[in-house]
């Protein structure tokens, strides 16, 4: 019976290590610029990965929105210049 308990404990520790390694890999994929300390800090927080993903996605959306706004403003300026030239 003692051997079974040891083996069960060993398997449990292997699963925990695999789970932690997988979490760290996911964070590194989402935040490649993060330091090892930042990655481990995010992994240690409840819902840390989820918050990192949300932060990254909102940053991308925000950047796209800013770029779209700049494009619209540039086109509006171009239209205003054409209107002045036509008059």
C-alpha atoms as a PDB file:
ATOM      1  CA  UNK A   1       0.000   0.000   0.000  1.00  0.00           C
ATOM      2  CA  UNK A   2       2.887   2.356   0.798  1.00  0.00           C
ATOM      3  CA  UNK A   3       4.203   2.051  -2.770  1.00  0.00           C
ATOM      4  CA  UNK A   4       0.814   2.989  -4.213  1.00  0.00           C
ATOM      5  CA  UNK A   5       0.634   6.113  -2.048  1.00  0.00           C
ATOM      6  CA  UNK A   6       4.152   7.161  -3.082  1.00  0.00           C
ATOM      7  CA  UNK A   7       3.339   6.632  -6.746  1.00  0.00           C
ATOM      8  CA  UNK A   8       0.069   8.545  -6.389  1.00  0.00           C
ATOM      9  CA  UNK A   9       1.919  11.422  -4.716  1.00  0.00           C
ATOM     10  CA  UNK A  10       4.566  11.408  -7.472  1.00  0.00           C
ATOM     11  CA  UNK A  11       1.906  11.520 -10.187  1.00  0.00           C
ATOM     12  CA  UNK A  12       0.085  14.329  -8.385  1.00  0.00           C
ATOM     13  CA  UNK A  13       3.300  16.404  -8.207  1.00  0.00           C
ATOM     14  CA  UNK A  14       3.988  15.762 -11.916  1.00  0.00           C
ATOM     15  CA  UNK A  15       0.486  16.966 -12.830  1.00  0.00           C
ATOM     16  CA  UNK A  16       0.919  20.105 -10.704  1.00  0.00           C
ATOM     17  CA  UNK A  17       4.281  20.878 -12.346  1.00  0.00           C
ATOM     18  CA  UNK A  18       2.827  20.314 -15.824  1.00  0.00           C
ATOM     19  CA  UNK A  19      -0.093  22.604 -14.998  1.00  0.00           C
ATOM     20  CA  UNK A  20       2.218  25.354 -13.738  1.00  0.00           C
ATOM     21  CA  UNK A  21       4.504  25.018 -16.780  1.00  0.00           C
ATOM     22  CA  UNK A  22       1.503  25.230 -19.115  1.00  0.00           C
ATOM     23  CA  UNK A  23       0.244  28.357 -17.365  1.00  0.00           C
ATOM     24  CA  UNK A  24       3.656  30.023 -17.611  1.00  0.00           C
ATOM     25  CA  UNK A  25       3.876  29.168 -21.329  1.00  0.00           C
ATOM     26  CA  UNK A  26       0.450  30.689 -21.964  1.00  0.00           C
ATOM     27  CA  UNK A  27       1.414  33.904 -20.204  1.00  0.00           C
ATOM     28  CA  UNK A  28       4.666  34.111 -22.197  1.00  0.00           C
ATOM     29  CA  UNK A  29       2.674  33.717 -25.425  1.00  0.00           C
ATOM     30  CA  UNK A  30       0.296  36.512 -24.507  1.00  0.00           C
ATOM     31  CA  UNK A  31       2.956  38.799 -23.031  1.00  0.00           C
ATOM     32  CA  UNK A  32       6.265  38.023 -24.753  1.00  0.00           C
ATOM     33  CA  UNK A  33       7.776  41.268 -23.440  1.00  0.00           C
ATOM     34  CA  UNK A  34       7.124  40.305 -19.787  1.00  0.00           C
ATOM     35  CA  UNK A  35      10.052  39.443 -17.561  1.00  0.00           C
ATOM     36  CA  UNK A  36      10.234  36.074 -15.817  1.00  0.00           C
ATOM     37  CA  UNK A  37       9.330  37.779 -12.542  1.00  0.00           C
ATOM     38  CA  UNK A  38       6.243  39.393 -14.102  1.00  0.00           C
ATOM     39  CA  UNK A  39       5.194  36.077 -15.655  1.00  0.00           C
ATOM     40  CA  UNK A  40       5.449  34.286 -12.304  1.00  0.00           C
ATOM     41  CA  UNK A  41       3.604  37.140 -10.565  1.00  0.00           C
ATOM     42  CA  UNK A  42       0.715  36.906 -13.036  1.00  0.00           C
ATOM     43  CA  UNK A  43       0.633  33.109 -12.702  1.00  0.00           C
ATOM     44  CA  UNK A  44       0.432  33.339  -8.917  1.00  0.00           C
ATOM     45  CA  UNK A  45      -2.710  35.492  -8.968  1.00  0.00           C
ATOM     46  CA  UNK A  46      -6.182  34.029  -9.206  1.00  0.00           C
ATOM     47  CA  UNK A  47      -7.417  34.724 -12.744  1.00  0.00           C
ATOM     48  CA  UNK A  48      -4.014  36.219 -13.569  1.00  0.00           C
ATOM     49  CA  UNK A  49      -3.916  34.666 -17.033  1.00  0.00           C
ATOM     50  CA  UNK A  50      -7.446  35.836 -17.773  1.00  0.00           C
ATOM     51  CA  UNK A  51      -6.592  39.390 -16.713  1.00  0.00           C
ATOM     52  CA  UNK A  52      -3.423  39.364 -18.851  1.00  0.00           C
ATOM     53  CA  UNK A  53      -5.357  38.215 -21.915  1.00  0.00           C
ATOM     54  CA  UNK A  54      -8.073  40.817 -21.385  1.00  0.00           C
ATOM     55  CA  UNK A  55      -5.476  43.533 -20.952  1.00  0.00           C
ATOM     56  CA  UNK A  56      -3.688  42.500 -24.136  1.00  0.00           C
ATOM     57  CA  UNK A  57      -6.902  42.296 -26.155  1.00  0.00           C
ATOM     58  CA  UNK A  58      -8.192  45.646 -24.931  1.00  0.00           C
ATOM     59  CA  UNK A  59      -4.841  47.189 -25.802  1.00  0.00           C
ATOM     60  CA  UNK A  60      -5.106  45.889 -29.371  1.00  0.00           C
ATOM     61  CA  UNK A  61      -8.671  47.110 -29.691  1.00  0.00           C
ATOM     62  CA  UNK A  62      -7.695  50.481 -28.299  1.00  0.00           C
ATOM     63  CA  UNK A  63      -4.825  50.774 -30.774  1.00  0.00           C
ATOM     64  CA  UNK A  64      -7.096  49.857 -33.689  1.00  0.00           C
ATOM     65  CA  UNK A  65      -9.624  52.422 -32.529  1.00  0.00           C
ATOM     66  CA  UNK A  66      -6.963  55.133 -32.272  1.00  0.00           C
ATOM     67  CA  UNK A  67      -5.647  54.247 -35.732  1.00  0.00           C
ATOM     68  CA  UNK A  68      -9.152  54.361 -37.210  1.00  0.00           C
ATOM     69  CA  UNK A  69      -9.765  57.742 -35.588  1.00  0.00           C
ATOM     70  CA  UNK A  70      -6.480  59.115 -36.949  1.00  0.00           C
ATOM     71  CA  UNK A  71      -7.363  57.804 -40.419  1.00  0.00           C
ATOM     72  CA  UNK A  72     -10.787  59.451 -40.310  1.00  0.00           C
ATOM     73  CA  UNK A  73      -9.316  62.745 -39.131  1.00  0.00           C
ATOM     74  CA  UNK A  74      -6.706  62.613 -41.897  1.00  0.00           C
ATOM     75  CA  UNK A  75      -9.372  62.010 -44.523  1.00  0.00           C
ATOM     76  CA  UNK A  76     -11.535  64.789 -43.095  1.00  0.00           C
ATOM     77  CA  UNK A  77      -8.553  67.150 -43.337  1.00  0.00           C
ATOM     78  CA  UNK A  78      -7.990  66.058 -46.946  1.00  0.00           C
ATOM     79  CA  UNK A  79     -11.636  66.703 -47.800  1.00  0.00           C
ATOM     80  CA  UNK A  80     -11.497  70.145 -46.184  1.00  0.00           C
ATOM     81  CA  UNK A  81      -8.387  70.994 -48.245  1.00  0.00           C
ATOM     82  CA  UNK A  82     -10.082  69.844 -51.439  1.00  0.00           C
ATOM     83  CA  UNK A  83     -13.152  71.941 -50.664  1.00  0.00           C
ATOM     84  CA  UNK A  84     -10.948  75.025 -50.233  1.00  0.00           C
ATOM     85  CA  UNK A  85      -9.117  74.267 -53.483  1.00  0.00           C
ATOM     86  CA  UNK A  86     -12.354  73.874 -55.437  1.00  0.00           C
ATOM     87  CA  UNK A  87     -13.791  77.199 -54.260  1.00  0.00           C
END
